Amino acid sequence: MKKAWSALPVRLLIAIAAGIFLGQVLPTGAMGVVVTVKYILGQVISFCVPLIIIGFIAPSIAKLGTNATRMLGIAVALAYVSSILAAFLAMGAGYGILPRMEIADAAQGLRQLPGLVFQLEIPPIMPVMSALVFSILVGLAAVWTHAESMARALAEFQAMVLGMVRKVIIPILPFFIAATFCSLSWEGSLTKQLPVFLVVILIAMAGHYLWLGILYGTAGAYSGKNPWEVLRHYGPAYLTAVGTMSSAATLAVALNGARKSKILRKDMVDFGIPLFANIHLCGSVLTETFFVMTVSKVLYGTLPAPKDMILFCLLLGCFAIGAPGVPGGTVMASLGLISGVLGFDDAGKALMLAVFALQDSFGTACNVTGDGALTLILTAYAERHHIDRQNLRVDL
């Protein structure tokens, strides 16, 4: 019971409920304190975003590159294509479904929030896009020059950033979200939109199953084998992912299930499943894409422009490959995209973090289950190109 209460989704639910309630009862003077706390916590999170990008994108590229093989290139390409196609599927659904939903303009009839009690500026060390380009170039340079010392340093920096996420970002997240929901409730923009988010979560879950069907259907068509022989072994892994919200925690169960399949090569299982657990986040990407469109419609009264959404989807696939392995890791790694490409403010980012984390277990389950389909494609590719069975390993 104690473990259940300490789980991030439970804490976020409590934070959301507390924030909505306080937003209905707090006087204007107290709201000034809430707005100030939200601002300061938002500054801390924004400061950490470039560090998260550098800490996960650059080491991921360096680690993949030092073990580069043809199969590795195929695996990374499969993971990226799966993620961006899932994002485009969600984008199409967003443009098709959201305009037909009854989403009132949240900007109408709102109370004006009080000003900050005091202002504390904590500017990031660099812009988001600079951090992304820096990460890619440093990671590639470490591969090109065989800089093993730098690769180890990047791995250590990644561990430091992950510790920062776990020890700083995640602990303050419930307070930031509580303050944000308190502000939205006090303004009056959230209470009338809560049912919308419940419907959106169900739509996103339906999208997961649709995408899994597409993945396994494609894998079956390419391999000429029945994909059910892989999918039927993934029940325990799916349930484990729902319970843990962690691909890493589910890895042993996923490996055990994949090894039971009669049509997957064991060397491809041992190579592909651990690799895809780190770089294939199709369910999380699908969910985030649909949610950013929903939040944009709710808070700002309009959907993002198609050109912005296309750029967002293409870049989100890159961010997902290096996203931290923590609950909500995909959306944390891409906070800079959400603000830089789509123009979200702190309220939009906080709402994204909250809604995404509440369903993250199902997104993780989709990620893990989809790994089996990509491993079937790897197996078929290896057999078609007469690649000998070998001990392929990628240290991640």
Protein backbone atom coordinates (compact mmCIF):
# COMPACT_ATOMS: atom_id res chain seq x y z
CA MET A 1 0.00 0.00 0.00
CA LYS A 2 2.82 2.40 0.90
CA LYS A 3 4.50 1.69 -2.47
CA ALA A 4 1.26 2.39 -4.30
CA TRP A 5 0.87 5.77 -2.60
CA SER A 6 4.45 6.69 -3.52
CA ALA A 7 3.93 5.97 -7.23
CA LEU A 8 4.19 9.04 -9.45
CA PRO A 9 0.71 8.74 -11.03
CA VAL A 10 -0.87 8.57 -7.56
CA ARG A 11 1.07 11.61 -6.40
CA LEU A 12 0.10 13.48 -9.55
CA LEU A 13 -3.56 12.61 -9.07
CA ILE A 14 -3.39 13.93 -5.51
CA ALA A 15 -1.60 17.07 -6.75
CA ILE A 16 -4.22 17.66 -9.45
CA ALA A 17 -7.12 17.15 -7.04
CA ALA A 18 -5.53 19.40 -4.41
CA GLY A 19 -4.74 22.07 -6.99
CA ILE A 20 -8.28 22.11 -8.39
CA PHE A 21 -9.79 22.30 -4.89
CA LEU A 22 -7.46 25.08 -3.70
CA GLY A 23 -8.10 27.03 -6.88
CA GLN A 24 -11.78 27.19 -5.94
CA VAL A 25 -11.26 28.44 -2.36
CA LEU A 26 -8.02 30.48 -2.17
CA PRO A 27 -8.27 34.28 -2.00
CA THR A 28 -6.42 36.56 -4.38
CA GLY A 29 -3.55 37.22 -1.93
CA ALA A 30 -2.81 33.52 -1.49
CA MET A 31 -2.95 33.01 -5.24
CA GLY A 32 -0.06 35.45 -5.58
CA VAL A 33 2.07 33.01 -3.58
CA VAL A 34 0.89 30.06 -5.67
CA VAL A 35 1.70 31.88 -8.91
CA THR A 36 5.17 32.73 -7.58
CA VAL A 37 5.87 29.12 -6.55
CA LYS A 38 4.72 27.91 -9.97
CA TYR A 39 6.97 30.42 -11.69
CA ILE A 40 10.08 29.47 -9.69
CA LEU A 41 9.55 25.73 -10.13
CA GLY A 42 8.93 26.30 -13.84
CA GLN A 43 12.24 28.18 -14.04
CA VAL A 44 14.06 25.23 -12.44
CA ILE A 45 12.49 22.76 -14.86
CA SER A 46 13.24 24.98 -17.86
CA PHE A 47 16.86 25.31 -16.73
CA CYS A 48 17.20 21.52 -16.63
CA VAL A 49 15.76 20.94 -20.13
CA PRO A 50 18.99 21.61 -22.11
CA LEU A 51 20.93 19.48 -19.61
CA ILE A 52 18.47 16.63 -20.11
CA ILE A 53 18.80 16.91 -23.89
CA ILE A 54 22.61 16.88 -23.78
CA GLY A 55 22.69 14.22 -21.08
CA PHE A 56 20.64 11.71 -23.06
CA ILE A 57 20.97 12.47 -26.77
CA ALA A 58 24.77 12.76 -26.95
CA PRO A 59 25.60 9.62 -24.89
CA SER A 60 22.97 7.62 -26.77
CA ILE A 61 24.57 8.48 -30.12
CA ALA A 62 28.05 7.75 -28.79
CA LYS A 63 27.01 4.38 -27.37
CA LEU A 64 25.22 3.31 -30.51
CA GLY A 65 28.04 4.46 -32.76
CA THR A 66 30.83 2.63 -30.98
CA ASN A 67 28.95 -0.60 -31.60
CA ALA A 68 27.87 0.32 -35.12
CA THR A 69 26.96 -2.59 -37.39
CA ARG A 70 24.55 -2.97 -40.26
CA MET A 71 21.98 -4.55 -37.95
CA LEU A 72 22.33 -1.69 -35.50
CA GLY A 73 21.66 0.83 -38.26
CA ILE A 74 18.59 -1.11 -39.36
CA ALA A 75 17.33 -1.32 -35.76
CA VAL A 76 17.72 2.42 -35.11
CA ALA A 77 16.03 3.23 -38.43
CA LEU A 78 13.12 0.91 -37.57
CA ALA A 79 12.68 2.52 -34.15
CA TYR A 80 12.76 6.04 -35.58
CA VAL A 81 10.37 5.29 -38.45
CA SER A 82 7.95 3.52 -36.10
CA SER A 83 7.97 6.50 -33.73
CA ILE A 84 7.46 9.23 -36.33
CA LEU A 85 4.77 7.27 -38.18
CA ALA A 86 2.96 6.76 -34.87
CA ALA A 87 3.30 10.52 -34.32
CA PHE A 88 1.86 11.27 -37.76
CA LEU A 89 -1.02 8.86 -37.07
CA ALA A 90 -1.77 10.78 -33.87
CA MET A 91 -1.44 14.10 -35.69
CA GLY A 92 -3.97 13.00 -38.30
CA ALA A 93 -6.32 11.82 -35.57
CA GLY A 94 -5.89 15.14 -33.78
CA TYR A 95 -6.84 17.21 -36.80
CA GLY A 96 -9.71 14.85 -37.55
CA ILE A 97 -11.17 14.36 -34.04
CA LEU A 98 -10.39 17.40 -31.89
CA PRO A 99 -12.25 20.01 -33.99
CA ARG A 100 -15.39 17.84 -33.63
CA MET A 101 -15.14 17.64 -29.84
CA GLU A 102 -16.89 20.19 -27.65
CA ILE A 103 -13.87 22.09 -26.39
CA ALA A 104 -14.75 25.59 -25.29
CA ASP A 105 -12.27 28.40 -25.67
CA ALA A 106 -10.52 28.52 -22.29
CA ALA A 107 -9.63 32.17 -22.76
CA GLN A 108 -13.23 33.34 -22.49
CA GLY A 109 -14.48 34.64 -19.16
CA LEU A 110 -11.33 34.01 -17.14
CA ARG A 111 -10.26 35.76 -13.97
CA GLN A 112 -6.91 37.54 -14.16
CA LEU A 113 -4.21 35.87 -12.06
CA PRO A 114 -2.42 38.12 -9.55
CA GLY A 115 1.17 39.17 -10.19
CA LEU A 116 4.31 37.53 -8.79
CA VAL A 117 5.28 38.26 -5.19
CA PHE A 118 8.89 38.34 -6.40
CA GLN A 119 10.66 37.28 -9.58
CA LEU A 120 13.65 34.91 -9.72
CA GLU A 121 15.17 34.45 -13.17
CA ILE A 122 17.02 31.16 -13.82
CA PRO A 123 17.89 31.26 -17.54
CA PRO A 124 18.90 27.96 -19.24
CA ILE A 125 22.55 27.53 -20.21
CA MET A 126 21.60 27.46 -23.91
CA PRO A 127 18.51 27.41 -26.16
CA VAL A 128 16.81 24.08 -26.78
CA MET A 129 17.74 23.76 -30.45
CA SER A 130 21.35 24.65 -29.63
CA ALA A 131 21.36 21.84 -27.08
CA LEU A 132 19.98 19.40 -29.64
CA VAL A 133 22.53 20.31 -32.34
CA PHE A 134 25.34 20.29 -29.76
CA SER A 135 24.29 16.83 -28.56
CA ILE A 136 24.16 15.37 -32.07
CA LEU A 137 27.52 16.80 -33.10
CA VAL A 138 29.31 15.80 -29.89
CA GLY A 139 27.88 12.28 -30.06
CA LEU A 140 28.86 11.86 -33.71
CA ALA A 141 32.32 13.37 -33.13
CA ALA A 142 32.92 10.87 -30.31
CA VAL A 143 32.11 8.08 -32.79
CA TRP A 144 34.19 9.48 -35.65
CA THR A 145 37.29 9.98 -33.50
CA HIS A 146 36.85 6.81 -31.43
CA ALA A 147 37.00 9.02 -28.34
CA GLU A 148 36.48 6.33 -25.73
CA SER A 149 37.30 8.67 -22.84
CA MET A 150 34.72 11.17 -24.04
CA ALA A 151 32.17 8.37 -24.51
CA ARG A 152 32.74 7.31 -20.91
CA ALA A 153 32.48 10.93 -19.76
CA LEU A 154 29.20 11.33 -21.63
CA ALA A 155 27.91 8.12 -20.02
CA GLU A 156 28.83 9.48 -16.58
CA PHE A 157 27.16 12.80 -17.40
CA GLN A 158 24.06 10.87 -18.47
CA ALA A 159 24.02 9.13 -15.08
CA MET A 160 24.36 12.52 -13.38
CA VAL A 161 21.49 14.00 -15.36
CA LEU A 162 19.33 10.96 -14.67
CA GLY A 163 20.07 11.44 -10.96
CA MET A 164 19.07 15.09 -11.31
CA VAL A 165 15.80 14.06 -12.95
CA ARG A 166 15.07 11.52 -10.23
CA LYS A 167 16.19 13.63 -7.27
CA VAL A 168 15.09 17.11 -8.38
CA ILE A 169 12.62 17.14 -11.28
CA ILE A 170 10.36 14.26 -10.26
CA PRO A 171 10.12 15.33 -6.56
CA ILE A 172 9.14 18.93 -7.45
CA LEU A 173 6.86 17.86 -10.29
CA PRO A 174 3.75 17.24 -8.10
CA PHE A 175 4.13 20.69 -6.52
CA PHE A 176 4.58 22.37 -9.90
CA ILE A 177 1.54 20.58 -11.29
CA ALA A 178 -0.53 21.31 -8.17
CA ALA A 179 0.33 25.02 -8.47
CA THR A 180 -0.49 24.98 -12.19
CA PHE A 181 -3.85 23.27 -11.72
CA CYS A 182 -4.60 25.61 -8.85
CA SER A 183 -3.99 28.57 -11.17
CA LEU A 184 -6.07 27.06 -13.97
CA SER A 185 -8.89 26.27 -11.54
CA TRP A 186 -8.79 29.76 -10.04
CA GLU A 187 -8.95 31.30 -13.53
CA GLY A 188 -11.85 29.00 -14.42
CA SER A 189 -10.27 27.47 -17.53
CA LEU A 190 -9.84 23.90 -16.28
CA THR A 191 -12.95 22.76 -14.45
CA LYS A 192 -15.12 22.81 -17.57
CA GLN A 193 -12.47 20.93 -19.60
CA LEU A 194 -11.71 17.99 -17.26
CA PRO A 195 -14.07 15.54 -19.05
CA VAL A 196 -12.28 16.33 -22.31
CA PHE A 197 -9.00 14.98 -20.99
CA LEU A 198 -10.62 11.75 -19.81
CA VAL A 199 -11.98 11.17 -23.32
CA VAL A 200 -8.62 12.06 -24.86
CA ILE A 201 -6.81 9.50 -22.71
CA LEU A 202 -9.19 6.79 -23.93
CA ILE A 203 -8.63 7.87 -27.53
CA ALA A 204 -4.86 7.70 -27.03
CA MET A 205 -5.14 4.16 -25.62
CA ALA A 206 -7.19 3.13 -28.66
CA GLY A 207 -4.40 4.61 -30.79
CA HIS A 208 -1.88 2.36 -29.03
CA TYR A 209 -3.78 -0.78 -30.02
CA LEU A 210 -4.26 0.46 -33.56
CA TRP A 211 -0.53 1.14 -33.94
CA LEU A 212 0.39 -2.26 -32.47
CA GLY A 213 -1.93 -3.83 -35.04
CA ILE A 214 -0.18 -1.92 -37.82
CA LEU A 215 3.29 -2.86 -36.53
CA TYR A 216 2.54 -6.57 -36.20
CA GLY A 217 0.65 -6.62 -39.49
CA THR A 218 3.64 -5.04 -41.25
CA ALA A 219 6.07 -7.42 -39.55
CA GLY A 220 3.95 -10.42 -40.58
CA ALA A 221 3.72 -9.23 -44.18
CA TYR A 222 7.47 -8.60 -44.42
CA SER A 223 8.51 -11.85 -42.73
CA GLY A 224 5.83 -14.05 -44.27
CA LYS A 225 5.17 -15.50 -40.81
CA ASN A 226 2.26 -15.32 -38.41
CA PRO A 227 2.95 -12.36 -36.04
CA TRP A 228 0.59 -13.86 -33.46
CA GLU A 229 3.38 -16.33 -32.67
CA VAL A 230 5.27 -13.34 -31.25
CA LEU A 231 2.42 -11.24 -29.88
CA ARG A 232 0.83 -14.08 -27.89
CA HIS A 233 3.89 -14.26 -25.62
CA TYR A 234 3.76 -10.57 -24.71
CA GLY A 235 0.88 -10.63 -22.21
CA PRO A 236 3.10 -10.76 -19.09
CA ALA A 237 5.40 -8.04 -20.44
CA TYR A 238 2.43 -5.77 -21.23
CA LEU A 239 1.01 -6.15 -17.74
CA THR A 240 4.44 -5.64 -16.16
CA ALA A 241 4.91 -2.42 -18.13
CA VAL A 242 1.48 -1.17 -17.04
CA GLY A 243 2.46 -1.79 -13.42
CA THR A 244 6.02 -0.41 -13.52
CA MET A 245 5.83 2.35 -16.19
CA SER A 246 9.43 1.35 -17.00
CA SER A 247 10.85 -0.39 -20.05
CA ALA A 248 13.98 -1.21 -18.06
CA ALA A 249 11.99 -2.88 -15.28
CA THR A 250 10.04 -4.85 -17.90
CA LEU A 251 13.11 -5.95 -19.89
CA ALA A 252 13.58 -9.35 -18.23
CA VAL A 253 9.92 -10.26 -18.73
CA ALA A 254 9.99 -9.06 -22.34
CA LEU A 255 13.11 -11.09 -23.09
CA ASN A 256 11.58 -14.17 -21.53
CA GLY A 257 8.43 -13.82 -23.63
CA ALA A 258 10.27 -13.10 -26.89
CA ARG A 259 12.52 -16.12 -26.39
CA LYS A 260 9.45 -18.35 -26.27
CA SER A 261 8.51 -17.41 -29.83
CA LYS A 262 9.35 -20.08 -32.39
CA ILE A 263 9.81 -17.62 -35.25
CA LEU A 264 12.26 -15.15 -33.67
CA ARG A 265 15.97 -15.82 -33.95
CA LYS A 266 17.52 -15.94 -30.50
CA ASP A 267 20.46 -13.74 -31.50
CA MET A 268 18.02 -11.12 -32.81
CA VAL A 269 16.02 -11.34 -29.57
CA ASP A 270 19.12 -10.86 -27.41
CA PHE A 271 20.21 -7.96 -29.61
CA GLY A 272 16.92 -6.30 -30.48
CA ILE A 273 14.80 -6.45 -27.33
CA PRO A 274 17.29 -4.64 -25.00
CA LEU A 275 18.10 -2.11 -27.73
CA PHE A 276 14.48 -1.34 -28.60
CA ALA A 277 13.62 -1.04 -24.91
CA ASN A 278 15.82 2.06 -24.90
CA ILE A 279 15.14 3.63 -28.29
CA HIS A 280 11.66 2.51 -29.45
CA LEU A 281 9.00 4.66 -27.80
CA CYS A 282 6.17 4.54 -30.34
CA GLY A 283 3.37 4.52 -27.75
CA SER A 284 4.79 7.45 -25.81
CA VAL A 285 5.38 9.46 -28.98
CA LEU A 286 1.85 8.76 -30.23
CA THR A 287 0.36 9.85 -26.94
CA GLU A 288 2.44 13.00 -26.62
CA THR A 289 1.57 14.13 -30.16
CA PHE A 290 -2.16 13.77 -29.57
CA PHE A 291 -1.93 15.40 -26.15
CA VAL A 292 -0.03 18.50 -27.31
CA MET A 293 -2.78 19.12 -29.83
CA THR A 294 -5.43 18.71 -27.14
CA VAL A 295 -3.67 21.01 -24.67
CA SER A 296 -3.18 23.61 -27.41
CA LYS A 297 -6.90 23.52 -28.19
CA VAL A 298 -7.92 23.70 -24.53
CA LEU A 299 -5.53 26.41 -23.32
CA TYR A 300 -4.95 28.48 -26.45
CA GLY A 301 -8.18 27.91 -28.35
CA THR A 302 -6.57 26.56 -31.53
CA LEU A 303 -4.65 23.57 -32.88
CA PRO A 304 -0.96 24.02 -33.79
CA ALA A 305 -0.24 24.83 -37.43
CA PRO A 306 0.38 21.72 -39.60
CA LYS A 307 3.92 22.85 -40.49
CA ASP A 308 4.76 23.16 -36.79
CA MET A 309 3.26 19.75 -36.04
CA ILE A 310 5.22 18.09 -38.85
CA LEU A 311 8.48 19.56 -37.53
CA PHE A 312 7.49 18.58 -34.00
CA CYS A 313 6.85 14.95 -35.03
CA LEU A 314 10.12 14.62 -36.93
CA LEU A 315 12.18 16.02 -34.06
CA LEU A 316 10.22 14.13 -31.42
CA GLY A 317 11.40 10.86 -32.99
CA CYS A 318 15.01 11.95 -32.39
CA PHE A 319 14.29 13.02 -28.82
CA ALA A 320 12.56 9.72 -28.08
CA ILE A 321 15.69 7.72 -28.96
CA GLY A 322 17.56 9.40 -26.12
CA ALA A 323 14.71 9.97 -23.67
CA PRO A 324 15.45 9.16 -20.02
CA GLY A 325 14.08 5.89 -18.69
CA VAL A 326 11.82 7.42 -16.08
CA PRO A 327 8.04 7.90 -15.93
CA GLY A 328 7.20 10.71 -18.32
CA GLY A 329 10.74 10.59 -19.75
CA THR A 330 9.66 11.23 -23.33
CA VAL A 331 7.74 14.40 -22.54
CA MET A 332 10.49 15.59 -20.16
CA ALA A 333 13.13 15.21 -22.86
CA SER A 334 10.94 17.07 -25.35
CA LEU A 335 9.82 19.98 -23.17
CA GLY A 336 12.05 22.21 -25.25
CA LEU A 337 10.25 21.15 -28.42
CA ILE A 338 6.88 21.78 -26.81
CA SER A 339 7.87 25.34 -25.95
CA GLY A 340 10.26 26.10 -28.81
CA VAL A 341 8.34 24.62 -31.76
CA LEU A 342 4.75 24.82 -30.52
CA GLY A 343 5.07 27.90 -28.30
CA PHE A 344 3.64 26.44 -25.08
CA ASP A 345 3.97 28.48 -21.89
CA ASP A 346 4.53 27.05 -18.39
CA ALA A 347 0.85 26.21 -17.96
CA GLY A 348 0.84 24.24 -21.20
CA LYS A 349 4.02 22.35 -20.28
CA ALA A 350 2.71 21.52 -16.82
CA LEU A 351 -0.60 20.27 -18.20
CA MET A 352 1.30 18.10 -20.68
CA LEU A 353 3.46 16.62 -17.92
CA ALA A 354 0.44 15.84 -15.77
CA VAL A 355 -1.84 14.28 -18.39
CA PHE A 356 1.01 12.37 -20.02
CA ALA A 357 2.26 10.90 -16.75
CA LEU A 358 -1.23 9.74 -15.76
CA GLN A 359 -1.40 7.39 -18.77
CA ASP A 360 2.34 6.72 -19.16
CA SER A 361 1.99 3.10 -18.04
CA PHE A 362 -0.11 2.28 -21.13
CA GLY A 363 2.28 4.15 -23.42
CA THR A 364 5.18 2.14 -21.96
CA ALA A 365 3.22 -1.09 -22.46
CA CYS A 366 2.72 -0.15 -26.13
CA ASN A 367 6.44 0.59 -26.47
CA VAL A 368 7.47 -2.76 -25.00
CA THR A 369 4.93 -4.80 -26.96
CA GLY A 370 5.88 -3.09 -30.21
CA ASP A 371 9.49 -4.21 -29.72
CA GLY A 372 8.42 -7.75 -30.61
CA ALA A 373 7.20 -6.64 -34.03
CA LEU A 374 10.44 -4.83 -34.80
CA THR A 375 12.44 -7.88 -33.69
CA LEU A 376 10.43 -10.00 -36.11
CA ILE A 377 11.38 -7.58 -38.90
CA LEU A 378 15.04 -7.81 -37.83
CA THR A 379 14.81 -11.61 -37.91
CA ALA A 380 13.33 -11.58 -41.41
CA TYR A 381 15.96 -9.09 -42.62
CA ALA A 382 18.79 -11.24 -41.26
CA GLU A 383 17.40 -14.35 -42.93
CA ARG A 384 16.78 -12.60 -46.27
CA HIS A 385 20.32 -11.25 -46.37
CA HIS A 386 21.91 -14.46 -45.05
CA ILE A 387 23.39 -12.82 -41.99
CA ASP A 388 24.99 -15.52 -39.85
CA ARG A 389 23.85 -16.06 -36.32
CA GLN A 390 26.16 -14.11 -34.05
CA ASN A 391 26.46 -12.65 -30.60
CA LEU A 392 25.30 -9.10 -31.25
CA ARG A 393 25.42 -6.78 -28.26
CA VAL A 394 24.85 -3.10 -27.77
CA ASP A 395 25.81 -1.75 -24.35
CA LEU A 396 23.21 0.76 -23.27
